[in-house]
Amino acid sequence: QSDLFNIVIQSGAVLAVLPLFPERMRQFVFQW
């Protein structure tokens, strides 16, 4: 596949893990 395709699917994999750290995300946003 193209280089752009490889970058896009990597970005999908990265963004997907954010919901797995709800306490940290809440801490970073509201308790910074």
Full PDB file with SEQRES, HELIX, SHEET, SSBOND, CRYST1, ORIGX, SCALE, CONECT and MASTER records, all heavy atoms in Angstrom:
SEQRES   1 A   32  GLN SER ASP LEU PHE ASN ILE VAL ILE GLN SER GLY ALA          
SEQRES   2 A   32  VAL LEU ALA VAL LEU PRO LEU PHE PRO GLU ARG MET ARG          
SEQRES   3 A   32  GLN PHE VAL PHE GLN TRP                                      
HELIX    1 AA1 ASP A    3  LEU A   15  1                                  13    
HELIX    2 AA2 LEU A   18  LEU A   20  5                                   3    
HELIX    3 AA3 PRO A   22  PHE A   30  1                                   9    
CRYST1    1.000    1.000    1.000  90.00  90.00  90.00 P 1           1          
ORIGX1      1.000000  0.000000  0.000000        0.00000                         
ORIGX2      0.000000  1.000000  0.000000        0.00000                         
ORIGX3      0.000000  0.000000  1.000000        0.00000                         
SCALE1      1.000000  0.000000  0.000000        0.00000                         
SCALE2      0.000000  1.000000  0.000000        0.00000                         
SCALE3      0.000000  0.000000  1.000000        0.00000                         
ATOM      1  N   GLN A   1       0.831  -1.199   0.000  1.00  0.00           N  
ATOM      2  CA  GLN A   1       0.000   0.000   0.000  1.00  0.00           C  
ATOM      3  C   GLN A   1       0.871   1.257   0.000  1.00  0.00           C  
ATOM      4  O   GLN A   1       2.085   1.194   0.187  1.00  0.00           O  
ATOM      5  CB  GLN A   1      -0.926  -0.009   1.220  1.00  0.00           C  
ATOM      6  CG  GLN A   1      -1.831  -1.217   1.298  1.00  0.00           C  
ATOM      7  CD  GLN A   1      -2.739  -1.352   0.092  1.00  0.00           C  
ATOM      8  OE1 GLN A   1      -3.362  -0.374  -0.336  1.00  0.00           O  
ATOM      9  NE2 GLN A   1      -2.830  -2.557  -0.466  1.00  0.00           N  
ATOM     10  N   SER A   2       0.235   2.396  -0.157  1.00  0.00           N  
ATOM     11  CA  SER A   2       0.964   3.668  -0.220  1.00  0.00           C  
ATOM     12  C   SER A   2       1.468   4.059   1.167  1.00  0.00           C  
ATOM     13  O   SER A   2       0.994   3.557   2.197  1.00  0.00           O  
ATOM     14  CB  SER A   2       0.048   4.764  -0.749  1.00  0.00           C  
ATOM     15  OG  SER A   2      -0.995   5.038   0.189  1.00  0.00           O  
ATOM     16  N   ASP A   3       2.437   4.977   1.192  1.00  0.00           N  
ATOM     17  CA  ASP A   3       2.943   5.489   2.463  1.00  0.00           C  
ATOM     18  C   ASP A   3       1.833   6.174   3.256  1.00  0.00           C  
ATOM     19  O   ASP A   3       1.773   6.067   4.484  1.00  0.00           O  
ATOM     20  CB  ASP A   3       4.087   6.485   2.214  1.00  0.00           C  
ATOM     21  CG  ASP A   3       5.343   5.803   1.697  1.00  0.00           C  
ATOM     22  OD1 ASP A   3       5.479   4.583   1.900  1.00  0.00           O  
ATOM     23  OD2 ASP A   3       6.184   6.495   1.093  1.00  0.00           O  
ATOM     24  N   LEU A   4       0.949   6.880   2.541  1.00  0.00           N  
ATOM     25  CA  LEU A   4      -0.160   7.568   3.214  1.00  0.00           C  
ATOM     26  C   LEU A   4      -1.072   6.558   3.906  1.00  0.00           C  
ATOM     27  O   LEU A   4      -1.519   6.790   5.038  1.00  0.00           O  
ATOM     28  CB  LEU A   4      -0.964   8.391   2.216  1.00  0.00           C  
ATOM     29  CG  LEU A   4      -2.147   9.171   2.807  1.00  0.00           C  
ATOM     30  CD1 LEU A   4      -1.653  10.192   3.824  1.00  0.00           C  
ATOM     31  CD2 LEU A   4      -2.941   9.860   1.699  1.00  0.00           C  
ATOM     32  N   PHE A   5      -1.333   5.450   3.258  1.00  0.00           N  
ATOM     33  CA  PHE A   5      -2.167   4.404   3.866  1.00  0.00           C  
ATOM     34  C   PHE A   5      -1.545   3.917   5.168  1.00  0.00           C  
ATOM     35  O   PHE A   5      -2.234   3.781   6.188  1.00  0.00           O  
ATOM     36  CB  PHE A   5      -2.344   3.231   2.894  1.00  0.00           C  
ATOM     37  CG  PHE A   5      -3.075   2.063   3.496  1.00  0.00           C  
ATOM     38  CD1 PHE A   5      -4.466   2.030   3.504  1.00  0.00           C  
ATOM     39  CD2 PHE A   5      -2.373   1.000   4.069  1.00  0.00           C  
ATOM     40  CE1 PHE A   5      -5.146   0.958   4.073  1.00  0.00           C  
ATOM     41  CE2 PHE A   5      -3.047  -0.078   4.635  1.00  0.00           C  
ATOM     42  CZ  PHE A   5      -4.440  -0.096   4.633  1.00  0.00           C  
ATOM     43  N   ASN A   6      -0.241   3.644   5.145  1.00  0.00           N  
ATOM     44  CA  ASN A   6       0.445   3.159   6.349  1.00  0.00           C  
ATOM     45  C   ASN A   6       0.386   4.176   7.483  1.00  0.00           C  
ATOM     46  O   ASN A   6       0.235   3.813   8.656  1.00  0.00           O  
ATOM     47  CB  ASN A   6       1.901   2.820   6.018  1.00  0.00           C  
ATOM     48  CG  ASN A   6       2.019   1.644   5.068  1.00  0.00           C  
ATOM     49  OD1 ASN A   6       1.175   0.747   5.083  1.00  0.00           O  
ATOM     50  ND2 ASN A   6       3.044   1.634   4.243  1.00  0.00           N  
ATOM     51  N   ILE A   7       0.491   5.457   7.138  1.00  0.00           N  
ATOM     52  CA  ILE A   7       0.418   6.511   8.150  1.00  0.00           C  
ATOM     53  C   ILE A   7      -0.994   6.586   8.740  1.00  0.00           C  
ATOM     54  O   ILE A   7      -1.165   6.713   9.954  1.00  0.00           O  
ATOM     55  CB  ILE A   7       0.800   7.880   7.544  1.00  0.00           C  
ATOM     56  CG1 ILE A   7       2.246   7.854   7.048  1.00  0.00           C  
ATOM     57  CG2 ILE A   7       0.630   8.987   8.579  1.00  0.00           C  
ATOM     58  CD1 ILE A   7       2.590   9.032   6.141  1.00  0.00           C  
ATOM     59  N   VAL A   8      -1.997   6.487   7.876  1.00  0.00           N  
ATOM     60  CA  VAL A   8      -3.387   6.612   8.319  1.00  0.00           C  
ATOM     61  C   VAL A   8      -3.780   5.471   9.249  1.00  0.00           C  
ATOM     62  O   VAL A   8      -4.413   5.700  10.285  1.00  0.00           O  
ATOM     63  CB  VAL A   8      -4.335   6.668   7.092  1.00  0.00           C  
ATOM     64  CG1 VAL A   8      -5.789   6.471   7.521  1.00  0.00           C  
ATOM     65  CG2 VAL A   8      -4.184   7.996   6.378  1.00  0.00           C  
ATOM     66  N   ILE A   9      -3.424   4.242   8.915  1.00  0.00           N  
ATOM     67  CA  ILE A   9      -3.816   3.131   9.791  1.00  0.00           C  
ATOM     68  C   ILE A   9      -3.036   3.180  11.107  1.00  0.00           C  
ATOM     69  O   ILE A   9      -3.553   2.776  12.155  1.00  0.00           O  
ATOM     70  CB  ILE A   9      -3.653   1.754   9.097  1.00  0.00           C  
ATOM     71  CG1 ILE A   9      -2.188   1.452   8.751  1.00  0.00           C  
ATOM     72  CG2 ILE A   9      -4.521   1.669   7.857  1.00  0.00           C  
ATOM     73  CD1 ILE A   9      -1.986   0.010   8.273  1.00  0.00           C  
ATOM     74  N   GLN A  10      -1.808   3.693  11.076  1.00  0.00           N  
ATOM     75  CA  GLN A  10      -1.061   3.861  12.327  1.00  0.00           C  
ATOM     76  C   GLN A  10      -1.757   4.899  13.211  1.00  0.00           C  
ATOM     77  O   GLN A  10      -1.884   4.707  14.425  1.00  0.00           O  
ATOM     78  CB  GLN A  10       0.367   4.299  12.053  1.00  0.00           C  
ATOM     79  CG  GLN A  10       1.208   4.435  13.331  1.00  0.00           C  
ATOM     80  CD  GLN A  10       2.565   5.047  13.081  1.00  0.00           C  
ATOM     81  OE1 GLN A  10       2.676   6.143  12.542  1.00  0.00           O  
ATOM     82  NE2 GLN A  10       3.609   4.319  13.450  1.00  0.00           N  
ATOM     83  N   SER A  11      -2.214   5.979  12.606  1.00  0.00           N  
ATOM     84  CA  SER A  11      -2.913   7.015  13.360  1.00  0.00           C  
ATOM     85  C   SER A  11      -4.197   6.470  13.975  1.00  0.00           C  
ATOM     86  O   SER A  11      -4.562   6.820  15.102  1.00  0.00           O  
ATOM     87  CB  SER A  11      -3.242   8.205  12.453  1.00  0.00           C  
ATOM     88  OG  SER A  11      -2.052   8.782  11.936  1.00  0.00           O  
ATOM     89  N   GLY A  12      -4.887   5.601  13.244  1.00  0.00           N  
ATOM     90  CA  GLY A  12      -6.091   4.978  13.784  1.00  0.00           C  
ATOM     91  C   GLY A  12      -5.786   4.141  15.007  1.00  0.00           C  
ATOM     92  O   GLY A  12      -6.508   4.200  16.016  1.00  0.00           O  
ATOM     93  N   ALA A  13      -4.697   3.386  14.944  1.00  0.00           N  
ATOM     94  CA  ALA A  13      -4.299   2.550  16.074  1.00  0.00           C  
ATOM     95  C   ALA A  13      -3.942   3.396  17.289  1.00  0.00           C  
ATOM     96  O   ALA A  13      -4.231   3.028  18.429  1.00  0.00           O  
ATOM     97  CB  ALA A  13      -3.113   1.675  15.665  1.00  0.00           C  
ATOM     98  N   VAL A  14      -3.311   4.534  17.053  1.00  0.00           N  
ATOM     99  CA  VAL A  14      -2.880   5.414  18.152  1.00  0.00           C  
ATOM    100  C   VAL A  14      -4.069   6.091  18.813  1.00  0.00           C  
ATOM    101  O   VAL A  14      -4.205   6.101  20.039  1.00  0.00           O  
ATOM    102  CB  VAL A  14      -1.885   6.475  17.629  1.00  0.00           C  
ATOM    103  CG1 VAL A  14      -1.556   7.470  18.727  1.00  0.00           C  
ATOM    104  CG2 VAL A  14      -0.617   5.811  17.125  1.00  0.00           C  
ATOM    105  N   LEU A  15      -4.953   6.674  18.012  1.00  0.00           N  
ATOM    106  CA  LEU A  15      -6.094   7.406  18.549  1.00  0.00           C  
ATOM    107  C   LEU A  15      -7.039   6.499  19.335  1.00  0.00           C  
ATOM    108  O   LEU A  15      -7.694   6.944  20.292  1.00  0.00           O  
ATOM    109  CB  LEU A  15      -6.859   8.092  17.418  1.00  0.00           C  
ATOM    110  CG  LEU A  15      -6.148   9.270  16.742  1.00  0.00           C  
ATOM    111  CD1 LEU A  15      -6.907   9.716  15.505  1.00  0.00           C  
ATOM    112  CD2 LEU A  15      -5.994  10.432  17.717  1.00  0.00           C  
ATOM    113  N   ALA A  16      -7.095   5.237  18.958  1.00  0.00           N  
ATOM    114  CA  ALA A  16      -8.044   4.313  19.581  1.00  0.00           C  
ATOM    115  C   ALA A  16      -7.727   4.021  21.043  1.00  0.00           C  
ATOM    116  O   ALA A  16      -8.620   3.602  21.793  1.00  0.00           O  
ATOM    117  CB  ALA A  16      -8.077   3.004  18.793  1.00  0.00           C  
ATOM    118  N   VAL A  17      -6.491   4.225  21.469  1.00  0.00           N  
ATOM    119  CA  VAL A  17      -6.143   3.865  22.848  1.00  0.00           C  
ATOM    120  C   VAL A  17      -6.493   4.968  23.848  1.00  0.00           C  
ATOM    121  O   VAL A  17      -6.490   4.730  25.057  1.00  0.00           O  
ATOM    122  CB  VAL A  17      -4.645   3.518  22.974  1.00  0.00           C  
ATOM    123  CG1 VAL A  17      -4.258   2.432  21.988  1.00  0.00           C  
ATOM    124  CG2 VAL A  17      -3.771   4.747  22.791  1.00  0.00           C  
ATOM    125  N   LEU A  18      -6.803   6.170  23.376  1.00  0.00           N  
ATOM    126  CA  LEU A  18      -7.119   7.266  24.292  1.00  0.00           C  
ATOM    127  C   LEU A  18      -8.268   6.934  25.253  1.00  0.00           C  
ATOM    128  O   LEU A  18      -8.175   7.242  26.450  1.00  0.00           O  
ATOM    129  CB  LEU A  18      -7.439   8.532  23.496  1.00  0.00           C  
ATOM    130  CG  LEU A  18      -6.241   9.229  22.834  1.00  0.00           C  
ATOM    131  CD1 LEU A  18      -6.727  10.372  21.942  1.00  0.00           C  
ATOM    132  CD2 LEU A  18      -5.272   9.762  23.885  1.00  0.00           C  
ATOM    133  N   PRO A  19      -9.353   6.309  24.779  1.00  0.00           N  
ATOM    134  CA  PRO A  19     -10.451   5.998  25.708  1.00  0.00           C  
ATOM    135  C   PRO A  19     -10.069   4.968  26.780  1.00  0.00           C  
ATOM    136  O   PRO A  19     -10.828   4.796  27.750  1.00  0.00           O  
ATOM    137  CB  PRO A  19     -11.541   5.427  24.786  1.00  0.00           C  
ATOM    138  CG  PRO A  19     -11.215   5.939  23.428  1.00  0.00           C  
ATOM    139  CD  PRO A  19      -9.731   5.991  23.388  1.00  0.00           C  
ATOM    140  N   LEU A  20      -8.955   4.298  26.622  1.00  0.00           N  
ATOM    141  CA  LEU A  20      -8.552   3.276  27.590  1.00  0.00           C  
ATOM    142  C   LEU A  20      -7.890   3.868  28.833  1.00  0.00           C  
ATOM    143  O   LEU A  20      -7.597   3.151  29.779  1.00  0.00           O  
ATOM    144  CB  LEU A  20      -7.590   2.284  26.917  1.00  0.00           C  
ATOM    145  CG  LEU A  20      -8.226   1.412  25.838  1.00  0.00           C  
ATOM    146  CD1 LEU A  20      -7.155   0.623  25.081  1.00  0.00           C  
ATOM    147  CD2 LEU A  20      -9.249   0.459  26.452  1.00  0.00           C  
ATOM    148  N   PHE A  21      -7.666   5.179  28.806  1.00  0.00           N  
ATOM    149  CA  PHE A  21      -7.074   5.845  29.966  1.00  0.00           C  
ATOM    150  C   PHE A  21      -7.988   6.977  30.442  1.00  0.00           C  
ATOM    151  O   PHE A  21      -7.590   8.139  30.493  1.00  0.00           O  
ATOM    152  CB  PHE A  21      -5.688   6.398  29.604  1.00  0.00           C  
ATOM    153  CG  PHE A  21      -4.716   5.358  29.143  1.00  0.00           C  
ATOM    154  CD1 PHE A  21      -4.467   5.173  27.786  1.00  0.00           C  
ATOM    155  CD2 PHE A  21      -4.051   4.554  30.053  1.00  0.00           C  
ATOM    156  CE1 PHE A  21      -3.577   4.213  27.356  1.00  0.00           C  
ATOM    157  CE2 PHE A  21      -3.162   3.584  29.632  1.00  0.00           C  
ATOM    158  CZ  PHE A  21      -2.913   3.404  28.287  1.00  0.00           C  
ATOM    159  N   PRO A  22      -9.235   6.646  30.780  1.00  0.00           N  
ATOM    160  CA  PRO A  22     -10.194   7.700  31.136  1.00  0.00           C  
ATOM    161  C   PRO A  22      -9.784   8.515  32.357  1.00  0.00           C  
ATOM    162  O   PRO A  22      -9.970   9.740  32.388  1.00  0.00           O  
ATOM    163  CB  PRO A  22     -11.495   6.921  31.400  1.00  0.00           C  
ATOM    164  CG  PRO A  22     -11.046   5.540  31.745  1.00  0.00           C  
ATOM    165  CD  PRO A  22      -9.828   5.304  30.903  1.00  0.00           C  
ATOM    166  N   GLU A  23      -9.199   7.850  33.366  1.00  0.00           N  
ATOM    167  CA  GLU A  23      -8.797   8.567  34.573  1.00  0.00           C  
ATOM    168  C   GLU A  23      -7.670   9.544  34.279  1.00  0.00           C  
ATOM    169  O   GLU A  23      -7.673  10.681  34.751  1.00  0.00           O  
ATOM    170  CB  GLU A  23      -8.382   7.576  35.664  1.00  0.00           C  
ATOM    171  CG  GLU A  23      -9.523   6.731  36.192  1.00  0.00           C  
ATOM    172  CD  GLU A  23     -10.658   7.572  36.769  1.00  0.00           C  
ATOM    173  OE1 GLU A  23     -10.364   8.595  37.436  1.00  0.00           O  
ATOM    174  OE2 GLU A  23     -11.828   7.233  36.533  1.00  0.00           O  
ATOM    175  N   ARG A  24      -6.701   9.104  33.486  1.00  0.00           N  
ATOM    176  CA  ARG A  24      -5.587   9.994  33.113  1.00  0.00           C  
ATOM    177  C   ARG A  24      -6.085  11.152  32.262  1.00  0.00           C  
ATOM    178  O   ARG A  24      -5.666  12.303  32.465  1.00  0.00           O  
ATOM    179  CB  ARG A  24      -4.517   9.205  32.350  1.00  0.00           C  
ATOM    180  CG  ARG A  24      -3.659   8.306  33.198  1.00  0.00           C  
ATOM    181  CD  ARG A  24      -2.775   9.106  34.141  1.00  0.00           C  
ATOM    182  NE  ARG A  24      -1.880   8.223  34.891  1.00  0.00           N  
ATOM    183  CZ  ARG A  24      -1.141   8.608  35.924  1.00  0.00           C  
ATOM    184  NH1 ARG A  24      -1.199   9.883  36.325  1.00  0.00           N  
ATOM    185  NH2 ARG A  24      -0.353   7.761  36.551  1.00  0.00           N  
ATOM    186  N   MET A  25      -6.951  10.870  31.306  1.00  0.00           N  
ATOM    187  CA  MET A  25      -7.464  11.926  30.441  1.00  0.00           C  
ATOM    188  C   MET A  25      -8.244  12.958  31.253  1.00  0.00           C  
ATOM    189  O   MET A  25      -8.111  14.169  31.049  1.00  0.00           O  
ATOM    190  CB  MET A  25      -8.368  11.332  29.348  1.00  0.00           C  
ATOM    191  CG  MET A  25      -7.663  10.418  28.355  1.00  0.00           C  
ATOM    192  SD  MET A  25      -6.324  11.220  27.447  1.00  0.00           S  
ATOM    193  CE  MET A  25      -4.896  10.439  28.211  1.00  0.00           C  
ATOM    194  N   ARG A  26      -9.057  12.462  32.184  1.00  0.00           N  
ATOM    195  CA  ARG A  26      -9.823  13.358  33.047  1.00  0.00           C  
ATOM    196  C   ARG A  26      -8.881  14.189  33.922  1.00  0.00           C  
ATOM    197  O   ARG A  26      -9.086  15.389  34.141  1.00  0.00           O  
ATOM    198  CB  ARG A  26     -10.770  12.532  33.916  1.00  0.00           C  
ATOM    199  CG  ARG A  26     -11.861  13.350  34.620  1.00  0.00           C  
ATOM    200  CD  ARG A  26     -12.839  12.465  35.366  1.00  0.00           C  
ATOM    201  NE  ARG A  26     -13.520  11.540  34.458  1.00  0.00           N  
ATOM    202  CZ  ARG A  26     -13.352  10.214  34.481  1.00  0.00           C  
ATOM    203  NH1 ARG A  26     -12.520   9.672  35.331  1.00  0.00           N  
ATOM    204  NH2 ARG A  26     -13.990   9.452  33.643  1.00  0.00           N  
ATOM    205  N   GLN A  27      -7.844  13.528  34.396  1.00  0.00           N  
ATOM    206  CA  GLN A  27      -6.848  14.216  35.232  1.00  0.00           C  
ATOM    207  C   GLN A  27      -6.140  15.308  34.438  1.00  0.00           C  
ATOM    208  O   GLN A  27      -5.963  16.429  34.933  1.00  0.00           O  
ATOM    209  CB  GLN A  27      -5.825  13.187  35.742  1.00  0.00           C  
ATOM    210  CG  GLN A  27      -4.739  13.754  36.632  1.00  0.00           C  
ATOM    211  CD  GLN A  27      -3.705  12.696  36.998  1.00  0.00           C  
ATOM    212  OE1 GLN A  27      -3.618  11.640  36.374  1.00  0.00           O  
ATOM    213  NE2 GLN A  27      -2.919  12.976  38.013  1.00  0.00           N  
ATOM    214  N   PHE A  28      -5.752  14.993  33.208  1.00  0.00           N  
ATOM    215  CA  PHE A  28      -5.029  15.962  32.380  1.00  0.00           C  
ATOM    216  C   PHE A  28      -5.904  17.168  32.032  1.00  0.00           C  
ATOM    217  O   PHE A  28      -5.405  18.295  31.922  1.00  0.00           O  
ATOM    218  CB  PHE A  28      -4.549  15.303  31.096  1.00  0.00           C  
ATOM    219  CG  PHE A  28      -3.492  14.246  31.306  1.00  0.00           C  
ATOM    220  CD1 PHE A  28      -3.253  13.285  30.333  1.00  0.00           C  
ATOM    221  CD2 PHE A  28      -2.744  14.202  32.474  1.00  0.00           C  
ATOM    222  CE1 PHE A  28      -2.286  12.311  30.516  1.00  0.00           C  
ATOM    223  CE2 PHE A  28      -1.776  13.229  32.671  1.00  0.00           C  
ATOM    224  CZ  PHE A  28      -1.544  12.278  31.692  1.00  0.00           C  
ATOM    225  N   VAL A  29      -7.210  16.941  31.853  1.00  0.00           N  
ATOM    226  CA  VAL A  29      -8.106  18.013  31.432  1.00  0.00           C  
ATOM    227  C   VAL A  29      -8.601  18.848  32.608  1.00  0.00           C  
ATOM    228  O   VAL A  29      -8.607  20.092  32.556  1.00  0.00           O  
ATOM    229  CB  VAL A  29      -9.310  17.441  30.650  1.00  0.00           C  
ATOM    230  CG1 VAL A  29     -10.325  18.549  30.335  1.00  0.00           C  
ATOM    231  CG2 VAL A  29      -8.843  16.778  29.359  1.00  0.00           C  
ATOM    232  N   PHE A  30      -9.016  18.175  33.693  1.00  0.00           N  
ATOM    233  CA  PHE A  30      -9.679  18.887  34.788  1.00  0.00           C  
ATOM    234  C   PHE A  30      -8.799  19.111  36.020  1.00  0.00           C  
ATOM    235  O   PHE A  30      -9.153  19.915  36.878  1.00  0.00           O  
ATOM    236  CB  PHE A  30     -10.937  18.119  35.202  1.00  0.00           C  
ATOM    237  CG  PHE A  30     -11.952  17.989  34.107  1.00  0.00           C  
ATOM    238  CD1 PHE A  30     -12.164  16.759  33.500  1.00  0.00           C  
ATOM    239  CD2 PHE A  30     -12.669  19.087  33.668  1.00  0.00           C  
ATOM    240  CE1 PHE A  30     -13.096  16.627  32.477  1.00  0.00           C  
ATOM    241  CE2 PHE A  30     -13.599  18.964  32.641  1.00  0.00           C  
ATOM    242  CZ  PHE A  30     -13.816  17.731  32.045  1.00  0.00           C  
ATOM    243  N   GLN A  31      -7.676  18.400  36.105  1.00  0.00           N  
ATOM    244  CA  GLN A  31      -6.841  18.521  37.291  1.00  0.00           C  
ATOM    245  C   GLN A  31      -5.402  18.911  36.941  1.00  0.00           C  
ATOM    246  O   GLN A  31      -4.476  18.607  37.667  1.00  0.00           O  
ATOM    247  CB  GLN A  31      -6.845  17.203  38.084  1.00  0.00           C  
ATOM    248  CG  GLN A  31      -8.226  16.769  38.525  1.00  0.00           C  
ATOM    249  CD  GLN A  31      -8.228  15.373  39.126  1.00  0.00           C  
ATOM    250  OE1 GLN A  31      -7.200  14.781  39.400  1.00  0.00           O  
ATOM    251  NE2 GLN A  31      -9.422  14.836  39.333  1.00  0.00           N  
ATOM    252  N   TRP A  32      -5.262  19.602  35.818  1.00  0.00           N  
ATOM    253  CA  TRP A  32      -3.916  19.902  35.344  1.00  0.00           C  
ATOM    254  C   TRP A  32      -3.185  20.896  36.236  1.00  0.00           C  
ATOM    255  O   TRP A  32      -1.961  21.017  36.173  1.00  0.00           O  
ATOM    256  CB  TRP A  32      -3.961  20.428  33.913  1.00  0.00           C  
ATOM    257  CG  TRP A  32      -4.747  21.701  33.745  1.00  0.00           C  
ATOM    258  CD1 TRP A  32      -6.070  21.811  33.456  1.00  0.00           C  
ATOM    259  CD2 TRP A  32      -4.256  23.034  33.841  1.00  0.00           C  
ATOM    260  NE1 TRP A  32      -6.450  23.131  33.370  1.00  0.00           N  
ATOM    261  CE2 TRP A  32      -5.347  23.911  33.602  1.00  0.00           C  
ATOM    262  CE3 TRP A  32      -2.994  23.583  34.100  1.00  0.00           C  
ATOM    263  CZ2 TRP A  32      -5.210  25.286  33.630  1.00  0.00           C  
ATOM    264  CZ3 TRP A  32      -2.863  24.961  34.114  1.00  0.00           C  
ATOM    265  CH2 TRP A  32      -3.967  25.797  33.888  1.00  0.00           C  
TER     266      TRP A  32                                                      
MASTER        0    0    0    3    0    0    0    6  265    1    0    3          
END                                                                             
